[in-house]
Amino acid sequence: MATPSTRLSKQARREQLLDAATAFVRAHGPDGLTLPSLAEAAKVSRPIVYDHFGTRHGLLLALYLRLDEQHRAALTEALKDAAPTPHEVARVISGAYFACVTAMPELNAVAAALRGIPELDAMQHEVLDRYIDLMAGALVPYSAVTGEALRLRCIGVLGAADAIAAELTRGRVSADDAVAALADLLLSGLDTGSGR
């Protein structure tokens, strides 16, 4: 166990620990990520890690929230440059989704590690709700359906996106084909009546 060579602010130390946790999960998967293994990977003392996260569940939740925030930020940024057409918005949503799947494979691994922990299920649902709200908000100007109907369609499309992502990570489809398929699903859910 090594002690830190420089003194970081609490927030900077937390970010450093989450960076190390992300790298650990990417290299080894989430099962071996514990507070002691994170302390070793980050080259800090165990009390520092315990002070930041308290428990393994606290660590996994903090990591999940950070990765989700990065995922939503990437989509928000991509939407800023999207041409205001349903086809372009659907393409941008699809492209951003699969770019994050490819760039952040640890997000799904951490989400899976959190499943079945009752006190954390509610947080995962809140995170999913924020992503769905972001999608629906981007799509509503182009949709004949609104409100809960559009939201439910976004939920369904995200389920399909997860299935397509599994095919992508297995190398069974190309990124371009994945993006096109998801964009088509998004467009079909808008019920614009205009077709492609």
Protein backbone atom coordinates (compact mmCIF):
# COMPACT_ATOMS: atom_id res chain seq x y z
CA MET A 1 0.00 0.00 0.00
CA ALA A 2 1.47 3.30 -1.08
CA THR A 3 0.58 6.72 0.18
CA PRO A 4 -0.28 9.51 -2.23
CA SER A 5 2.68 11.56 -3.39
CA THR A 6 0.67 14.75 -3.77
CA ARG A 7 -2.19 16.20 -1.83
CA LEU A 8 -5.34 16.49 -3.93
CA SER A 9 -8.57 18.25 -3.12
CA LYS A 10 -11.36 15.91 -2.04
CA GLN A 11 -13.10 16.28 -5.42
CA ALA A 12 -9.88 15.76 -7.38
CA ARG A 13 -9.10 12.67 -5.30
CA ARG A 14 -12.61 11.31 -5.94
CA GLU A 15 -12.17 11.82 -9.68
CA GLN A 16 -8.77 10.09 -9.54
CA LEU A 17 -10.32 7.15 -7.68
CA LEU A 18 -13.19 6.89 -10.16
CA ASP A 19 -10.68 6.99 -13.04
CA ALA A 20 -8.80 4.11 -11.40
CA ALA A 21 -12.07 2.22 -10.81
CA THR A 22 -13.04 2.66 -14.47
CA ALA A 23 -9.67 1.34 -15.61
CA PHE A 24 -9.93 -1.58 -13.18
CA VAL A 25 -13.39 -2.58 -14.44
CA ARG A 26 -12.26 -2.25 -18.05
CA ALA A 27 -9.29 -4.54 -17.42
CA HIS A 28 -10.76 -7.03 -14.94
CA GLY A 29 -14.54 -6.64 -14.85
CA PRO A 30 -16.58 -5.39 -11.89
CA ASP A 31 -16.54 -8.55 -9.77
CA GLY A 32 -13.04 -7.96 -8.41
CA LEU A 33 -13.59 -4.26 -7.78
CA THR A 34 -13.56 -3.79 -4.02
CA LEU A 35 -12.46 -0.92 -1.86
CA PRO A 36 -9.13 -2.62 -1.07
CA SER A 37 -8.50 -3.49 -4.74
CA LEU A 38 -9.27 0.11 -5.71
CA ALA A 39 -6.86 1.42 -3.05
CA GLU A 40 -4.16 -0.80 -4.47
CA ALA A 41 -4.91 0.15 -8.09
CA ALA A 42 -4.99 3.88 -7.26
CA LYS A 43 -1.92 3.60 -5.02
CA VAL A 44 -3.63 5.20 -2.04
CA SER A 45 -4.35 4.02 1.47
CA ARG A 46 -7.53 2.09 2.19
CA PRO A 47 -8.94 4.76 4.53
CA ILE A 48 -8.93 7.24 1.64
CA VAL A 49 -11.10 4.93 -0.47
CA TYR A 50 -13.41 4.11 2.45
CA ASP A 51 -13.77 7.83 3.19
CA HIS A 52 -14.96 8.48 -0.36
CA PHE A 53 -17.28 5.52 -0.94
CA GLY A 54 -17.99 3.77 2.36
CA THR A 55 -18.89 0.41 0.86
CA ARG A 56 -18.41 -1.54 -2.35
CA HIS A 57 -22.00 -0.73 -3.28
CA GLY A 58 -21.26 2.95 -2.72
CA LEU A 59 -18.26 2.67 -5.02
CA LEU A 60 -20.20 0.86 -7.75
CA LEU A 61 -23.03 3.36 -7.54
CA ALA A 62 -20.68 6.34 -7.74
CA LEU A 63 -18.95 4.79 -10.74
CA TYR A 64 -22.28 4.01 -12.43
CA LEU A 65 -23.55 7.56 -11.89
CA ARG A 66 -20.34 9.03 -13.29
CA LEU A 67 -20.39 6.83 -16.39
CA ASP A 68 -24.06 7.58 -16.97
CA GLU A 69 -23.39 11.30 -16.64
CA GLN A 70 -20.66 10.99 -19.28
CA HIS A 71 -23.06 9.06 -21.53
CA ARG A 72 -25.80 11.71 -21.23
CA ALA A 73 -23.28 14.53 -21.67
CA ALA A 74 -22.04 12.94 -24.90
CA LEU A 75 -25.61 12.72 -26.23
CA THR A 76 -26.42 16.28 -25.17
CA GLU A 77 -23.29 17.56 -26.89
CA ALA A 78 -23.99 15.59 -30.07
CA LEU A 79 -27.57 16.90 -30.22
CA LYS A 80 -26.31 20.50 -30.20
CA ASP A 81 -24.84 19.98 -33.67
CA ALA A 82 -27.72 17.95 -35.12
CA ALA A 83 -29.65 19.43 -38.01
CA PRO A 84 -33.28 19.99 -36.93
CA THR A 85 -34.78 17.07 -38.84
CA PRO A 86 -36.19 13.81 -37.48
CA HIS A 87 -33.73 11.74 -39.53
CA GLU A 88 -30.71 13.67 -38.27
CA VAL A 89 -31.82 13.68 -34.64
CA ALA A 90 -32.50 9.93 -34.78
CA ARG A 91 -29.10 9.35 -36.39
CA VAL A 92 -27.33 11.48 -33.77
CA ILE A 93 -29.07 9.72 -30.88
CA SER A 94 -28.13 6.35 -32.38
CA GLY A 95 -24.56 7.37 -33.12
CA ALA A 96 -24.03 8.79 -29.63
CA TYR A 97 -25.53 5.68 -28.02
CA PHE A 98 -23.23 3.25 -29.83
CA ALA A 99 -20.21 5.52 -29.50
CA CYS A 100 -20.68 5.32 -25.73
CA VAL A 101 -21.23 1.56 -25.83
CA THR A 102 -17.93 1.22 -27.66
CA ALA A 103 -16.00 3.82 -25.64
CA MET A 104 -17.44 2.89 -22.23
CA PRO A 105 -18.02 -0.88 -22.09
CA GLU A 106 -17.71 -0.70 -18.31
CA LEU A 107 -21.08 1.12 -18.03
CA ASN A 108 -23.08 -2.02 -18.78
CA ALA A 109 -20.75 -4.15 -16.64
CA VAL A 110 -21.23 -1.88 -13.63
CA ALA A 111 -25.00 -1.70 -14.24
CA ALA A 112 -25.12 -5.50 -14.24
CA ALA A 113 -23.13 -5.62 -10.98
CA LEU A 114 -25.70 -3.33 -9.36
CA ARG A 115 -28.73 -5.37 -10.42
CA GLY A 116 -30.46 -7.17 -7.62
CA ILE A 117 -29.36 -4.74 -4.91
CA PRO A 118 -32.76 -3.44 -3.77
CA GLU A 119 -31.58 -0.13 -2.36
CA LEU A 120 -29.80 0.65 -5.63
CA ASP A 121 -32.57 -0.40 -8.03
CA ALA A 122 -34.40 2.88 -7.51
CA MET A 123 -31.27 4.83 -8.43
CA GLN A 124 -30.82 2.82 -11.62
CA HIS A 125 -34.43 3.58 -12.56
CA GLU A 126 -33.85 7.29 -11.96
CA VAL A 127 -30.77 7.20 -14.18
CA LEU A 128 -32.71 5.41 -16.92
CA ASP A 129 -35.54 7.94 -16.59
CA ARG A 130 -33.10 10.83 -17.14
CA TYR A 131 -31.77 9.23 -20.32
CA ILE A 132 -35.29 8.51 -21.59
CA ASP A 133 -36.32 12.10 -20.85
CA LEU A 134 -33.33 13.35 -22.83
CA MET A 135 -34.24 11.14 -25.80
CA ALA A 136 -37.93 11.99 -25.71
CA GLY A 137 -37.18 15.70 -25.38
CA ALA A 138 -35.01 15.58 -28.50
CA LEU A 139 -37.62 13.63 -30.47
CA VAL A 140 -40.87 15.30 -29.41
CA PRO A 141 -40.69 18.15 -31.97
CA TYR A 142 -40.80 15.53 -34.75
CA SER A 143 -43.35 13.14 -33.30
CA ALA A 144 -47.08 12.78 -33.72
CA VAL A 145 -47.11 11.06 -30.33
CA THR A 146 -46.20 12.89 -27.14
CA GLY A 147 -46.07 12.45 -23.40
CA GLU A 148 -46.20 8.96 -21.98
CA ALA A 149 -46.72 7.32 -25.38
CA LEU A 150 -43.46 8.77 -26.70
CA ARG A 151 -41.70 7.92 -23.45
CA LEU A 152 -42.83 4.29 -23.69
CA ARG A 153 -41.58 4.12 -27.26
CA CYS A 154 -38.20 5.43 -26.10
CA ILE A 155 -38.11 2.74 -23.41
CA GLY A 156 -38.82 0.09 -26.04
CA VAL A 157 -36.18 1.48 -28.37
CA LEU A 158 -33.60 1.45 -25.56
CA GLY A 159 -34.36 -2.23 -24.99
CA ALA A 160 -33.74 -2.83 -28.67
CA ALA A 161 -30.59 -0.67 -28.47
CA ASP A 162 -29.23 -2.92 -25.72
CA ALA A 163 -29.86 -5.99 -27.87
CA ILE A 164 -28.19 -4.36 -30.89
CA ALA A 165 -25.28 -3.29 -28.65
CA ALA A 166 -24.80 -6.93 -27.63
CA GLU A 167 -24.53 -7.86 -31.31
CA LEU A 168 -22.09 -5.02 -31.88
CA THR A 169 -19.83 -6.02 -28.99
CA ARG A 170 -19.83 -9.62 -30.26
CA GLY A 171 -18.67 -8.34 -33.64
CA ARG A 172 -21.78 -9.65 -35.39
CA VAL A 173 -22.78 -6.24 -36.81
CA SER A 174 -20.82 -3.15 -37.79
CA ALA A 175 -21.16 0.14 -35.94
CA ASP A 176 -22.68 1.71 -39.06
CA ASP A 177 -25.33 -1.01 -39.29
CA ALA A 178 -26.09 -0.71 -35.58
CA VAL A 179 -26.52 3.07 -35.87
CA ALA A 180 -28.75 2.72 -38.95
CA ALA A 181 -30.94 0.06 -37.32
CA LEU A 182 -31.47 2.07 -34.15
CA ALA A 183 -32.15 5.27 -36.12
CA ASP A 184 -34.78 3.40 -38.15
CA LEU A 185 -36.42 2.14 -34.95
CA LEU A 186 -36.46 5.65 -33.53
CA LEU A 187 -38.01 7.06 -36.69
CA SER A 188 -40.67 4.35 -36.85
CA GLY A 189 -41.64 5.16 -33.25
CA LEU A 190 -42.23 8.81 -34.03
CA ASP A 191 -45.32 8.05 -36.11
CA THR A 192 -44.77 11.16 -38.24
CA GLY A 193 -46.85 9.82 -41.09
CA SER A 194 -44.25 11.13 -43.54
CA GLY A 195 -42.21 7.94 -43.93
CA ARG A 196 -38.55 8.08 -44.90
